[in-house]
Protein backbone atom coordinates (compact mmCIF):
# COMPACT_ATOMS: atom_id res chain seq x y z
CA MET A 1 -1.10 -20.84 -24.85
CA GLY A 2 1.47 -18.54 -23.35
CA GLU A 3 4.51 -19.52 -21.33
CA ALA A 4 3.39 -19.40 -17.59
CA GLU A 5 5.02 -16.44 -15.83
CA THR A 6 8.10 -16.95 -13.37
CA VAL A 7 8.38 -15.13 -10.32
CA SER A 8 11.25 -15.41 -7.98
CA LEU A 9 10.32 -16.59 -4.44
CA ASP A 10 14.07 -16.06 -3.09
CA LEU A 11 14.15 -14.18 0.10
CA LEU A 12 17.86 -13.70 -0.19
CA ASP A 13 19.90 -12.71 -2.82
CA ARG A 14 22.23 -14.67 -4.55
CA ARG A 15 25.23 -12.89 -2.80
CA ALA A 16 23.90 -13.66 0.64
CA VAL A 17 23.08 -17.26 -0.27
CA ARG A 18 26.69 -17.83 -1.36
CA ALA A 19 28.07 -16.09 1.65
CA ARG A 20 25.92 -18.35 3.60
CA ALA A 21 27.18 -21.34 1.84
CA ARG A 22 30.50 -20.43 2.38
CA ASN A 23 30.17 -20.09 6.00
CA VAL A 24 28.73 -23.48 6.29
CA ALA A 25 31.58 -24.96 4.32
CA ILE A 26 34.19 -23.53 6.33
CA ALA A 27 32.49 -24.62 9.70
CA ALA A 28 32.32 -27.96 8.29
CA VAL A 29 35.83 -27.91 7.46
CA VAL A 30 36.90 -26.60 10.86
CA VAL A 31 34.60 -29.15 12.96
CA ALA A 32 35.50 -31.99 10.94
CA ALA A 33 39.39 -31.25 11.40
CA ALA A 34 39.12 -30.75 15.06
CA LEU A 35 36.97 -34.03 15.57
CA GLY A 36 39.29 -35.93 13.36
CA GLY A 37 42.18 -34.46 15.37
CA ILE A 38 40.58 -35.98 18.85
CA VAL A 39 39.87 -39.29 17.42
CA SER A 40 43.40 -39.63 15.92
CA LEU A 41 44.96 -39.52 19.08
CA PHE A 42 43.32 -42.74 19.65
CA ALA A 43 43.03 -44.39 16.23
CA GLY A 44 45.86 -42.55 14.39
CA PRO A 45 45.88 -41.04 10.98
CA LEU A 46 42.99 -43.52 9.54
CA GLY A 47 40.88 -42.47 12.39
CA PHE A 48 41.55 -38.72 11.48
CA GLY A 49 40.45 -39.22 7.93
CA VAL A 50 37.38 -41.40 8.54
CA THR A 51 36.04 -39.17 11.23
CA ALA A 52 36.72 -35.82 9.08
CA ALA A 53 34.98 -37.60 6.17
CA VAL A 54 32.04 -38.56 7.97
CA VAL A 55 31.41 -35.12 9.54
CA ALA A 56 32.70 -33.07 6.74
CA ILE A 57 30.97 -34.71 3.65
CA PRO A 58 27.35 -34.06 4.72
CA LEU A 59 27.91 -30.43 5.64
CA LEU A 60 29.76 -29.70 2.51
CA LEU A 61 26.73 -31.16 0.51
CA LEU A 62 24.43 -28.98 2.41
CA ALA A 63 26.61 -26.09 1.72
CA LEU A 64 26.40 -26.97 -1.97
CA THR A 65 22.85 -27.46 -1.96
CA GLU A 66 22.22 -23.94 -0.29
CA SER A 67 24.44 -22.25 -2.63
CA ARG A 68 22.48 -23.54 -5.79
CA LYS A 69 18.88 -23.56 -4.14
CA THR A 70 16.18 -21.36 -5.78
CA VAL A 71 12.57 -21.18 -5.30
CA GLN A 72 10.30 -19.86 -8.28
CA LEU A 73 6.53 -19.48 -8.77
CA ARG A 74 5.77 -20.68 -12.24
CA GLY A 75 2.09 -20.06 -12.93
CA HIS A 76 0.45 -21.82 -10.00
CA GLU A 77 3.53 -24.26 -9.31
CA VAL A 78 6.10 -23.62 -7.00
CA VAL A 79 9.54 -25.06 -7.71
CA ALA A 80 12.42 -25.56 -5.82
CA LYS A 81 15.93 -26.31 -7.61
CA ALA A 82 18.94 -27.06 -6.01
CA LEU A 83 21.01 -30.41 -6.97
CA GLY A 84 17.81 -31.39 -8.51
CA SER A 85 14.06 -30.02 -8.56
CA ARG A 86 11.00 -30.23 -7.02
CA VAL A 87 7.48 -29.20 -8.26
CA VAL A 88 4.43 -28.64 -6.05
CA ASP A 89 1.11 -27.46 -7.85
CA VAL A 90 -0.42 -25.26 -5.35
CA HIS A 91 -3.71 -25.43 -6.70
CA GLU A 92 -3.58 -29.25 -6.02
CA ALA A 93 -1.65 -29.16 -2.97
CA THR A 94 -2.76 -30.71 0.45
CA ARG A 95 -0.11 -29.38 2.91
CA PHE A 96 0.07 -25.59 3.98
CA ASP A 97 2.26 -25.29 7.21
CA LEU A 98 3.63 -22.20 8.85
CA PHE A 99 7.21 -22.96 10.53
CA VAL A 100 9.52 -20.46 12.35
CA THR A 101 12.98 -21.21 12.85
CA ASP A 102 15.26 -19.29 15.34
CA LEU A 103 18.88 -19.47 14.92
CA ARG A 104 21.14 -16.96 16.88
CA GLY A 105 18.32 -14.58 17.18
CA THR A 106 17.30 -14.46 13.80
CA ARG A 107 13.85 -15.65 13.14
CA THR A 108 12.64 -16.66 9.73
CA ILE A 109 9.04 -17.62 8.89
CA ASN A 110 8.50 -20.06 6.28
CA VAL A 111 5.23 -21.69 4.62
CA LEU A 112 5.34 -25.17 3.52
CA ILE A 113 3.48 -26.36 0.70
CA GLY A 114 3.07 -29.86 -0.12
CA GLY A 115 1.25 -32.76 -1.94
CA ASN A 116 1.61 -36.16 -3.81
CA GLY A 117 4.49 -36.90 -1.49
CA LYS A 118 6.53 -33.44 -2.56
CA ALA A 119 6.80 -30.53 -0.46
CA VAL A 120 8.70 -27.07 -1.06
CA SER A 121 9.39 -24.62 1.62
CA VAL A 122 9.00 -20.75 0.73
CA SER A 123 10.66 -18.25 3.39
CA LEU A 124 8.25 -15.38 3.77
CA ALA A 125 10.58 -13.08 6.01
CA MET A 126 13.33 -13.16 8.25
CA TYR A 127 13.37 -10.74 11.27
CA ALA A 128 16.34 -9.75 13.93
CA GLY A 129 15.47 -7.45 16.60
CA THR A 130 12.90 -4.78 15.19
CA GLY A 131 14.10 -5.21 11.59
CA GLY A 132 14.72 -7.81 8.99
CA ARG A 133 13.91 -8.68 5.24
CA GLU A 134 10.64 -9.72 3.92
CA LEU A 135 10.01 -11.17 0.28
CA GLY A 136 9.49 -8.75 -2.40
CA ILE A 137 5.95 -7.49 -2.72
CA TYR A 138 5.32 -8.83 -6.21
CA GLY A 139 6.31 -12.18 -5.13
CA LEU A 140 4.10 -12.28 -2.06
CA ARG A 141 1.40 -10.94 -4.08
CA ARG A 142 1.39 -13.68 -6.81
CA LEU A 143 1.63 -16.18 -4.06
CA ALA A 144 -1.38 -14.83 -2.28
CA ASP A 145 -3.15 -15.14 -5.65
CA THR A 146 -2.00 -18.65 -6.20
CA LEU A 147 -3.03 -19.64 -2.67
CA ALA A 148 -6.40 -18.25 -3.04
CA GLY A 149 -6.89 -20.81 -5.95
CA ASN A 150 -6.86 -23.74 -3.65
CA ALA A 151 -10.27 -24.60 -1.96
CA ASP A 152 -8.48 -25.63 1.28
CA THR A 153 -9.36 -23.59 4.16
CA ARG A 154 -5.64 -23.30 5.13
CA ALA A 155 -4.61 -21.99 1.89
CA LEU A 156 -7.21 -19.21 1.85
CA VAL A 157 -5.98 -18.41 5.60
CA LEU A 158 -2.41 -17.92 4.39
CA SER A 159 -3.56 -15.97 1.17
CA GLN A 160 -5.46 -13.52 3.47
CA LEU A 161 -2.37 -13.39 5.95
CA ILE A 162 -0.12 -12.59 2.94
CA VAL A 163 -2.58 -9.83 1.83
CA ALA A 164 -2.64 -8.47 5.34
CA GLN A 165 1.09 -8.25 5.53
CA LEU A 166 1.10 -6.48 2.20
CA GLN A 167 -1.51 -3.86 3.47
CA ALA A 168 0.71 -3.30 6.62
CA GLU A 169 3.59 -2.75 4.39
CA ALA A 170 1.74 -0.37 2.11
CA ARG A 171 0.37 1.57 5.12
CA GLY A 172 4.17 1.97 6.19
CA GLU A 173 3.82 0.18 9.51
CA ALA A 174 7.18 -0.85 11.19
CA ALA A 175 8.21 -4.31 11.13
CA PRO A 176 6.71 -5.26 14.80
CA ASN A 177 3.22 -4.11 13.45
CA ARG A 178 3.28 -6.52 10.53
CA PRO A 179 1.20 -9.89 10.57
CA LEU A 180 4.38 -11.89 9.82
CA TYR A 181 6.48 -10.33 12.53
CA GLN A 182 4.05 -11.00 15.13
CA LEU A 183 3.55 -14.57 14.13
CA ALA A 184 7.39 -15.16 14.12
CA SER A 185 7.41 -13.46 17.57
CA GLN A 186 4.94 -16.29 18.95
CA ALA A 187 7.50 -19.14 18.45
CA PRO A 188 9.70 -20.08 21.43
CA GLN A 189 13.39 -19.06 21.47
CA GLY A 190 16.01 -21.40 20.37
CA SER A 191 13.30 -23.33 18.27
CA MET A 192 15.25 -24.90 15.27
CA ALA A 193 11.81 -25.43 13.42
CA LYS A 194 8.53 -24.73 15.19
CA ARG A 195 5.08 -25.56 13.24
CA LEU A 196 2.51 -22.91 14.03
CA ASN A 197 -0.95 -24.51 14.69
CA SER A 198 -3.18 -23.99 11.77
CA ASP A 199 -6.38 -23.15 13.72
CA ALA A 200 -4.30 -20.60 16.04
CA VAL A 201 -2.92 -18.95 12.64
CA ALA A 202 -6.62 -18.71 11.40
CA ARG A 203 -7.81 -17.13 14.72
CA PHE A 204 -4.89 -14.77 14.22
CA VAL A 205 -5.62 -13.88 10.57
CA ALA A 206 -9.46 -13.33 11.39
CA ALA A 207 -8.74 -10.91 14.07
CA LEU A 208 -6.62 -8.63 11.89
């Protein structure tokens, strides 16, 4: 039996990912230094060091994780790698949720696939204004096919949603007329992570 095909599901290229991680690291140092400086007025150098470490270390670990994070589809398994790795078999998964995050006017729509106590988030598209970035055609196609291999109704709905997205792209539809953009726009502004109701998503897909 041949080795399972591996397809990248990374929405952003490595240069963009590293730039975002670098910005997080810089912000971590700046915020840690500022808060440490305030605390040092009352607690001296020790207070500065403890506060700076408490604030900076988690954010620097987040930056390191983000800089190394990749998501792949390997056969019918979704694999997320960063400091370690998580593997979810899509055909055996029991959780399928769409989430929308809104950060400074940029909305990202993600699908969370989980089972057996593990979950992997795949970013499908990112929009700002009337444009944005979407996962590559081949990655979307393979993900749709893999989701269709799970008998769970929610997985089948997500597969149909992705197929509709690909069809809209093939017709040359502008971003606002594509299903993922329309779903992302339904989440309230300023929402860090808004889960879209599964029944509402199913009705939306049925109406496409």
